[in-house]
């Protein structure tokens, strides 16, 4: 008798764009299968946390032990804390464009034991306090940072920022090599030149770029790059 076929190994990469954009109720069998498949993945993208928060939280927890690259949208505090505890995570893109965290911005503490720290981080529209705590937690290992932030102006964070130099200076970014400032809110030529000069003075040796003024040198890094 022939031996039974070997069970297929779990996928190393997962894209849950369609599943994570459905409310609780629909596609339950597919969601249950995805939870099983998440164990052992190293890359997980298009995780929209706000539509079915309980399922996406469990998905992150199932993938946590092996995950190295992750992309999350509109996380809630439990999602952020689950991400913060992932021991092997190297690359993270986090986007929060629904303002759900701004009423009570979570602050993340030191990394748990056994976490080796992020090497690459892309942050869009997180509250200021959350952003700062995230940078502080990974300050010793972070090599590349993409940060959505504006030049000084009248708008709220992060569409404008008048003290980016001091904010970044408090984060202990000892390993940083490259910083790209992504614009979408306030941006003036003079404000940008002054902001870049101040940040470069605070972070000597770091390549500091603006996505508008230095567009020829700036290209959004793919999450799928090797960690």
Protein backbone atom coordinates (compact mmCIF):
# COMPACT_ATOMS: atom_id res chain seq x y z
CA UNK A 1 0.00 0.00 0.00
CA UNK A 2 1.33 3.37 -0.95
CA UNK A 3 1.93 5.75 1.94
CA UNK A 4 -0.48 8.66 2.23
CA UNK A 5 0.65 11.81 0.47
CA UNK A 6 2.64 14.19 2.63
CA UNK A 7 0.69 17.12 3.95
CA UNK A 8 1.46 20.28 2.02
CA UNK A 9 3.67 22.70 3.95
CA UNK A 10 2.04 25.93 5.09
CA UNK A 11 2.47 28.93 2.80
CA UNK A 12 5.41 31.16 3.57
CA UNK A 13 3.56 34.25 2.37
CA UNK A 14 -0.04 35.39 2.84
CA UNK A 15 -2.11 38.18 1.33
CA UNK A 16 -5.42 38.63 3.16
CA UNK A 17 -6.68 41.69 1.31
CA UNK A 18 -10.08 40.24 0.49
CA UNK A 19 -10.68 38.33 3.71
CA UNK A 20 -9.63 41.09 6.06
CA UNK A 21 -11.96 43.59 4.39
CA UNK A 22 -15.09 41.60 5.27
CA UNK A 23 -17.17 42.08 8.41
CA UNK A 24 -17.66 39.28 10.96
CA UNK A 25 -20.06 36.69 9.58
CA UNK A 26 -19.28 36.23 5.88
CA UNK A 27 -16.59 33.82 4.64
CA UNK A 28 -16.16 32.08 7.98
CA UNK A 29 -14.79 28.86 6.48
CA UNK A 30 -12.17 30.79 4.55
CA UNK A 31 -11.23 32.77 7.63
CA UNK A 32 -10.87 29.60 9.69
CA UNK A 33 -8.64 28.11 7.01
CA UNK A 34 -6.53 31.26 6.94
CA UNK A 35 -5.97 31.02 10.69
CA UNK A 36 -4.61 27.52 10.20
CA UNK A 37 -2.45 28.57 7.26
CA UNK A 38 -1.02 31.55 9.15
CA UNK A 39 1.12 29.31 11.30
CA UNK A 40 4.61 29.33 9.85
CA UNK A 41 4.29 32.30 7.47
CA UNK A 42 7.11 34.83 7.20
CA UNK A 43 5.31 37.50 5.14
CA UNK A 44 1.78 38.75 5.82
CA UNK A 45 0.32 41.69 3.88
CA UNK A 46 -2.90 43.68 3.51
CA UNK A 47 -4.13 42.99 7.03
CA UNK A 48 -7.07 45.39 7.48
CA UNK A 49 -7.72 45.22 11.20
CA UNK A 50 -10.86 47.34 11.58
CA UNK A 51 -13.47 45.29 9.70
CA UNK A 52 -13.21 42.10 11.78
CA UNK A 53 -10.94 43.04 14.71
CA UNK A 54 -11.23 39.74 16.60
CA UNK A 55 -10.34 37.62 13.58
CA UNK A 56 -7.41 39.80 12.50
CA UNK A 57 -6.06 39.79 16.05
CA UNK A 58 -6.13 35.99 16.12
CA UNK A 59 -4.52 35.93 12.68
CA UNK A 60 -1.64 38.07 13.93
CA UNK A 61 -1.24 35.91 17.01
CA UNK A 62 -1.16 32.71 14.96
CA UNK A 63 1.49 34.12 12.63
CA UNK A 64 3.54 35.79 15.37
CA UNK A 65 6.20 33.13 16.10
CA UNK A 66 7.62 33.07 12.55
CA UNK A 67 6.55 36.37 11.00
CA UNK A 68 9.36 38.57 9.66
CA UNK A 69 7.53 41.04 7.38
CA UNK A 70 4.12 42.54 8.06
CA UNK A 71 1.74 45.15 6.70
CA UNK A 72 -1.24 46.28 8.80
CA UNK A 73 -3.93 48.89 8.19
CA UNK A 74 -6.12 50.62 10.76
CA UNK A 75 -4.94 48.60 13.77
CA UNK A 76 -6.54 48.90 17.17
CA UNK A 77 -4.48 48.85 20.35
CA UNK A 78 -4.65 45.04 20.77
CA UNK A 79 -3.34 44.61 17.22
CA UNK A 80 -0.43 46.96 17.86
CA UNK A 81 0.47 45.15 21.05
CA UNK A 82 0.35 41.80 19.27
CA UNK A 83 2.69 43.17 16.61
CA UNK A 84 4.97 44.62 19.30
CA UNK A 85 5.44 41.15 20.77
CA UNK A 86 6.42 39.38 17.51
CA UNK A 87 9.91 38.03 18.19
CA UNK A 88 11.24 37.71 14.62
CA UNK A 89 9.66 40.76 12.97
CA UNK A 90 12.16 42.70 10.84
CA UNK A 91 10.05 44.81 8.47
CA UNK A 92 6.80 46.55 9.35
CA UNK A 93 4.47 48.89 7.50
CA UNK A 94 1.65 50.32 9.61
CA UNK A 95 -1.04 52.65 8.25
CA UNK A 96 -3.79 54.19 10.37
CA UNK A 97 -6.00 56.35 8.18
CA UNK A 98 -9.25 56.07 10.14
CA UNK A 99 -8.05 58.06 13.20
CA UNK A 100 -9.38 55.40 15.56
CA UNK A 101 -6.30 55.56 17.81
CA UNK A 102 -6.18 59.32 18.21
CA UNK A 103 -8.71 59.57 21.06
CA UNK A 104 -6.49 57.49 23.37
CA UNK A 105 -3.14 56.91 21.66
CA UNK A 106 -1.49 53.73 22.93
CA UNK A 107 2.13 53.94 23.99
CA UNK A 108 4.27 50.88 23.46
CA UNK A 109 6.89 49.98 26.03
CA UNK A 110 10.22 48.26 25.70
CA UNK A 111 10.44 45.20 23.51
CA UNK A 112 9.79 41.90 25.27
CA UNK A 113 12.73 39.56 25.92
CA UNK A 114 13.79 37.66 22.83
CA UNK A 115 12.69 40.33 20.34
CA UNK A 116 15.58 41.25 18.08
CA UNK A 117 14.06 44.53 16.84
CA UNK A 118 12.93 45.98 13.52
CA UNK A 119 15.39 46.85 10.77
CA UNK A 120 12.88 48.67 8.52
CA UNK A 121 9.74 50.59 9.44
CA UNK A 122 7.13 52.56 7.51
CA UNK A 123 4.69 54.63 9.60
CA UNK A 124 1.66 56.42 8.19
CA UNK A 125 -0.79 58.45 10.27
CA UNK A 126 -0.21 56.89 13.67
CA UNK A 127 -0.74 59.23 16.63
CA UNK A 128 2.35 61.12 17.70
CA UNK A 129 2.72 59.41 21.08
CA UNK A 130 2.34 55.98 19.49
CA UNK A 131 4.85 56.81 16.77
CA UNK A 132 7.41 58.05 19.27
CA UNK A 133 7.05 55.01 21.51
CA UNK A 134 7.40 52.69 18.52
CA UNK A 135 10.59 54.43 17.40
CA UNK A 136 12.02 54.35 20.90
CA UNK A 137 11.35 50.63 21.21
CA UNK A 138 13.31 49.90 18.02
CA UNK A 139 15.87 52.69 18.26
CA UNK A 140 18.79 50.34 18.71
CA UNK A 141 18.15 48.27 15.57
CA UNK A 142 16.17 50.38 13.10
CA UNK A 143 18.19 51.06 9.94
CA UNK A 144 15.59 52.52 7.57
CA UNK A 145 12.53 54.59 8.41
CA UNK A 146 9.73 55.94 6.22
CA UNK A 147 7.71 58.49 8.18
CA UNK A 148 4.62 60.37 7.04
CA UNK A 149 5.07 63.87 8.48
CA UNK A 150 4.61 67.45 7.35
CA UNK A 151 6.69 70.58 7.66
CA UNK A 152 5.81 73.20 10.32
CA UNK A 153 2.33 74.59 9.84
CA UNK A 154 -1.12 74.98 11.34
CA UNK A 155 -2.35 71.44 10.77
CA UNK A 156 -2.44 68.68 13.35
CA UNK A 157 0.12 65.88 13.61
CA UNK A 158 1.26 64.30 11.40
CA UNK A 159 0.21 66.68 8.63
CA UNK A 160 2.50 69.26 10.18
CA UNK A 161 5.30 69.07 12.73
CA UNK A 162 7.39 71.92 14.14
CA UNK A 163 9.74 69.87 16.33
CA UNK A 164 10.69 66.81 14.31
CA UNK A 165 14.35 67.20 15.27
CA UNK A 166 13.66 66.94 18.98
CA UNK A 167 11.12 64.14 18.53
CA UNK A 168 13.56 61.97 16.61
CA UNK A 169 16.41 62.95 18.91
CA UNK A 170 14.56 61.42 21.85
CA UNK A 171 14.16 58.07 20.12
CA UNK A 172 17.74 56.82 20.32
CA UNK A 173 17.98 55.92 16.64
CA UNK A 174 21.53 54.63 16.93
CA UNK A 175 21.46 52.27 13.93
CA UNK A 176 19.54 54.49 11.50
CA UNK A 177 21.08 54.91 8.03
CA UNK A 178 18.20 56.30 5.95
CA UNK A 179 15.13 58.39 6.73
CA UNK A 180 12.50 59.27 4.13
CA UNK A 181 9.88 61.86 5.03
CA UNK A 182 6.67 61.21 3.13
CA UNK A 183 4.52 64.28 2.61
CA UNK A 184 0.78 64.61 2.24
CA UNK A 185 -0.15 67.50 4.48
CA UNK A 186 1.81 70.69 5.04
CA UNK A 187 4.86 71.19 2.84
CA UNK A 188 6.66 74.43 2.05
CA UNK A 189 10.04 74.77 0.38
CA UNK A 190 11.52 76.85 3.17
CA UNK A 191 9.98 74.77 5.91
CA UNK A 192 11.25 71.58 4.30
CA UNK A 193 14.81 72.85 3.87
CA UNK A 194 14.93 73.97 7.50
CA UNK A 195 13.36 70.76 8.77
CA UNK A 196 15.76 68.57 6.80
CA UNK A 197 18.76 70.56 8.00
CA UNK A 198 17.64 70.29 11.62
CA UNK A 199 17.03 66.55 11.39
CA UNK A 200 20.37 65.97 9.66
CA UNK A 201 22.09 67.86 12.47
CA UNK A 202 20.33 65.67 15.04
CA UNK A 203 21.09 62.46 13.14
CA UNK A 204 24.62 62.83 11.74
CA UNK A 205 25.52 60.21 9.18
CA UNK A 206 21.90 59.48 8.31
CA UNK A 207 20.62 60.07 4.77
CA UNK A 208 17.53 62.27 5.27
CA UNK A 209 15.24 62.77 2.27
CA UNK A 210 11.92 64.39 1.42
CA UNK A 211 9.72 62.47 -1.01
CA UNK A 212 8.86 65.69 -2.85
CA UNK A 213 12.13 67.60 -2.88
CA UNK A 214 14.31 64.52 -3.37
CA UNK A 215 11.93 62.51 -5.52
CA UNK A 216 14.69 61.24 -7.80
CA UNK A 217 16.35 59.54 -4.83
CA UNK A 218 13.17 58.32 -3.19
CA UNK A 219 11.26 55.21 -4.06
CA UNK A 220 8.93 53.53 -1.61
CA UNK A 221 10.66 50.37 -0.45
CA UNK A 222 8.75 47.14 -1.02
CA UNK A 223 7.78 45.22 2.07
CA UNK A 224 8.78 42.00 0.36
CA UNK A 225 12.46 42.91 0.30
CA UNK A 226 14.66 40.50 2.18
CA UNK A 227 14.98 41.46 5.84
